Protein backbone atom coordinates (compact mmCIF):
# COMPACT_ATOMS: atom_id res chain seq x y z
CA MET A 1 -5.13 175.23 5.02
CA SER A 2 -8.15 173.07 4.37
CA PRO A 3 -8.50 169.57 5.88
CA SER A 4 -7.93 167.98 2.45
CA GLU A 5 -4.76 170.05 1.96
CA ILE A 6 -3.47 168.97 5.37
CA ASP A 7 -4.28 165.36 4.46
CA SER A 8 -2.27 165.68 1.24
CA LEU A 9 0.74 166.94 3.21
CA ASN A 10 0.42 164.09 5.69
CA LYS A 11 0.17 161.46 2.93
CA THR A 12 3.75 162.24 2.00
CA GLY A 13 4.90 161.60 5.55
CA GLY A 14 4.25 164.95 7.21
CA ALA A 15 6.87 167.65 7.66
CA ARG A 16 10.23 168.30 9.26
CA LEU A 17 10.84 171.86 10.41
CA VAL A 18 14.27 173.23 11.25
CA ILE A 19 14.42 176.58 13.01
CA LYS A 20 17.77 178.29 12.51
CA LYS A 21 19.22 181.64 11.53
CA MET A 22 18.95 182.10 7.77
CA PRO A 23 21.71 183.87 5.80
CA GLY A 24 21.10 187.08 3.86
CA VAL A 25 17.56 188.16 3.04
CA HIS A 26 16.05 184.67 3.19
CA GLU A 27 13.56 184.14 6.00
CA ALA A 28 12.61 180.59 5.16
CA GLU A 29 13.09 177.87 2.59
CA TYR A 30 11.21 174.81 1.44
CA HIS A 31 13.70 172.06 0.57
CA GLY A 32 11.31 169.57 -1.01
CA ILE A 33 10.60 166.04 0.15
CA VAL A 34 13.60 164.59 1.98
CA GLN A 35 13.46 161.09 3.45
CA GLY A 36 9.68 161.03 2.94
CA LYS A 37 8.91 164.34 4.69
CA HIS A 38 8.39 167.90 3.51
CA CYS A 39 11.42 169.80 4.84
CA PHE A 40 11.45 173.47 5.79
CA THR A 41 13.94 175.82 7.39
CA ILE A 42 12.56 178.95 9.04
CA ASP A 43 14.49 181.75 10.70
CA PRO A 44 13.57 182.11 14.40
CA ASP A 45 12.88 185.82 13.86
CA VAL A 46 9.94 185.03 11.56
CA PHE A 47 8.83 181.66 12.93
CA ARG A 48 5.51 183.11 14.07
CA ASN A 49 4.93 185.14 10.90
CA GLU A 50 1.77 183.78 9.23
CA GLU A 51 2.87 184.89 5.76
CA THR A 52 6.21 183.08 5.95
CA VAL A 53 4.75 179.81 7.24
CA THR A 54 1.88 179.97 4.72
CA HIS A 55 4.24 180.71 1.82
CA GLU A 56 6.45 177.70 2.57
CA THR A 57 3.44 175.44 3.15
CA ILE A 58 2.08 176.43 -0.27
CA HIS A 59 5.39 175.28 -1.80
CA ALA A 60 4.82 171.90 -0.15
CA LEU A 61 1.25 171.74 -1.47
CA GLN A 62 2.46 172.58 -4.97
CA MET A 63 4.66 169.49 -4.80
CA SER A 64 2.25 166.97 -3.32
CA ASP A 65 -1.40 168.00 -3.57
CA GLU A 66 -2.77 166.31 -6.69
CA SER A 67 -6.04 168.28 -6.46
CA ARG A 68 -4.24 171.54 -7.30
CA PRO A 69 -4.63 172.90 -10.84
CA SER A 70 -2.46 171.53 -13.64
CA PRO A 71 -0.40 174.76 -14.00
CA ASP A 72 1.06 174.01 -10.55
CA LYS A 73 2.33 170.70 -11.88
CA LYS A 74 4.20 172.53 -14.68
CA LEU A 75 6.32 174.21 -12.01
CA ARG A 76 7.12 171.18 -9.85
CA THR A 77 10.49 170.95 -11.56
CA VAL A 78 11.94 174.41 -12.03
CA LYS A 79 14.65 174.51 -14.68
CA THR A 80 15.09 178.23 -15.36
CA LEU A 81 15.34 181.45 -13.39
CA GLU A 82 12.21 182.61 -15.25
CA ASP A 83 10.26 179.60 -13.95
CA LEU A 84 11.58 180.23 -10.44
CA SER A 85 10.47 183.87 -10.65
CA LEU A 86 7.02 182.70 -11.75
CA LYS A 87 6.77 180.04 -9.03
CA GLU A 88 7.71 182.50 -6.27
CA ALA A 89 5.33 185.19 -7.56
CA LEU A 90 2.43 182.72 -7.80
CA THR A 91 3.21 181.44 -4.31
CA GLU A 92 3.40 184.97 -2.92
CA ALA A 93 0.05 185.87 -4.53
CA GLU A 94 -1.63 182.79 -3.08
CA THR A 95 -0.09 183.59 0.30
CA ILE A 96 -1.52 187.12 0.23
CA ALA A 97 -4.96 185.66 -0.57
CA ARG A 98 -4.83 183.04 2.20
CA VAL A 99 -3.49 184.80 5.29
CA HIS A 100 -5.78 186.36 7.87
CA THR A 101 -3.89 189.64 7.95
CA VAL A 102 -1.43 190.88 5.33
CA ASN A 103 1.74 192.15 6.99
CA LEU A 104 2.31 195.45 5.19
CA LYS A 105 5.58 196.06 7.06
CA THR A 106 7.23 193.00 5.51
CA PRO A 107 7.86 193.52 1.78
CA ASN A 108 8.86 189.91 0.95
CA TYR A 109 9.09 189.48 -2.85
CA TYR A 110 7.52 192.88 -3.46
CA ARG A 111 10.83 194.53 -2.58
CA ASP A 112 12.31 193.20 -5.84
CA ILE A 113 9.73 194.70 -8.18
CA LYS A 114 11.57 197.29 -10.25
CA GLU A 115 10.51 200.91 -9.92
CA GLU A 116 9.37 201.12 -13.56
CA CYS A 117 7.02 198.18 -12.96
CA ARG A 118 5.30 199.75 -9.97
CA GLU A 119 2.32 200.60 -12.09
CA ARG A 120 -0.17 202.14 -9.69
CA CYS A 121 1.54 201.99 -6.32
CA PRO A 122 4.91 203.41 -5.37
CA SER A 123 5.39 201.45 -2.12
CA THR A 124 5.59 197.74 -1.36
CA ALA A 125 2.88 198.10 1.29
CA ALA A 126 0.49 199.73 -1.20
CA MET A 127 1.19 197.00 -3.79
CA LYS A 128 0.55 194.20 -1.29
CA LYS A 129 -2.64 195.83 -0.08
CA GLU A 130 -3.96 196.34 -3.60
CA ASP A 131 -3.09 192.75 -4.57
CA ARG A 132 -4.93 191.48 -1.50
CA MET A 133 -8.03 193.44 -2.45
CA THR A 134 -7.85 192.14 -6.04
CA LEU A 135 -7.46 188.52 -4.90
CA THR A 136 -10.30 188.78 -2.38
CA ASP A 137 -12.67 190.65 -4.72
CA GLY A 138 -12.51 193.66 -2.42
CA THR A 139 -13.57 191.82 0.75
CA ASP A 140 -10.11 191.64 2.40
CA LYS A 141 -11.19 188.26 3.84
CA PRO A 142 -8.88 185.23 3.68
CA GLN A 143 -9.75 182.97 0.77
CA GLY A 144 -8.60 179.57 2.03
CA SER A 145 -8.32 176.97 -0.71
CA LYS A 146 -10.24 179.30 -3.08
CA ALA A 147 -7.00 181.29 -3.16
CA VAL A 148 -5.55 178.84 -5.67
CA SER A 149 -8.13 179.57 -8.37
CA GLN A 150 -8.13 183.30 -7.58
CA THR A 151 -4.35 183.39 -8.01
CA TYR A 152 -4.42 181.89 -11.50
CA LYS A 153 -7.51 183.83 -12.55
CA LYS A 154 -6.18 187.25 -11.50
CA PHE A 155 -2.41 186.81 -11.65
CA GLU A 156 -1.78 189.13 -14.59
CA GLU A 157 -3.60 191.97 -12.77
CA LEU A 158 -1.34 191.74 -9.71
CA HIS A 159 1.71 193.80 -8.87
CA ILE A 160 3.53 190.67 -7.74
CA SER A 161 3.32 189.38 -11.32
CA GLN A 162 6.00 191.99 -12.14
CA PHE A 163 8.48 190.21 -9.85
CA ARG A 164 11.64 188.75 -11.35
CA TYR A 165 14.99 187.61 -10.04
CA LYS A 166 17.81 189.97 -11.06
CA SER A 167 19.29 187.75 -13.78
CA SER A 168 15.93 186.61 -15.13
CA LYS A 169 15.09 187.68 -18.68
CA ARG A 170 11.35 187.87 -18.04
CA THR A 171 8.99 188.99 -15.29
CA ALA A 172 6.71 186.40 -13.73
CA ARG A 173 3.83 187.86 -15.75
CA GLN A 174 5.71 187.39 -19.03
CA GLN A 175 6.63 183.82 -18.07
CA PHE A 176 3.01 183.13 -17.06
CA ARG A 177 1.91 184.16 -20.56
CA LYS A 178 4.72 182.22 -22.24
CA LYS A 179 3.82 179.02 -20.39
CA LYS A 180 0.08 179.59 -20.96
CA MET A 181 -0.65 179.10 -17.27
CA LYS A 182 -4.35 180.05 -17.39
C-alpha cells in the first residue's frame, strides 16, 4: 500500500484485527468501520498470506480512501448479490495486481468460476496467472496503487470478471457493464 493509502486508513482511526478460526471456506472478512476502526477477522492459517491481507485491506480502502475512482464509491453500499459478486471480483483483481507473488496454489474466488466461463484456461492457477499478466501488462511486477486503474481498465478481459455467487443472476462482468463502471 502507498503512504497516502495508509494515511487514509489511519484517518478513520486505524484498524482492529481479530485472528480466529473462520467457518467454512472463508479465510478472512472485512466487517467495515466499527467504533471508528476498520475491523477485520483473519483465520490463523492464512494470517501470513499476502493475498488475503491485501484483499481485506483493499476492502477497507474502498470504504475510506476518497482518492479512489468514483466506481468504487458506487459499491460502498452493496444491496444485491450481483453487486457483491462485482465488488469481490474487482477486489480480487486488484489484489492479484498488487501482491509481490501470486499464490497459484490458493484459488480464492477463482474456484467459483463456472466451467463454461473458463474461456482460455481450465485451471484456477492458469486463470490467476493469466489475469496477473494482463493486469501488469506482461511484466509480472506488483503494480502498487496503479493497480486500481489497471483493474477498472482491464476488468472485462479478466477471468475473475466471470465470478458470481451461486444465487446471483449475473456475473461480475455483466454487472460491471450494467453499472457502467468504466
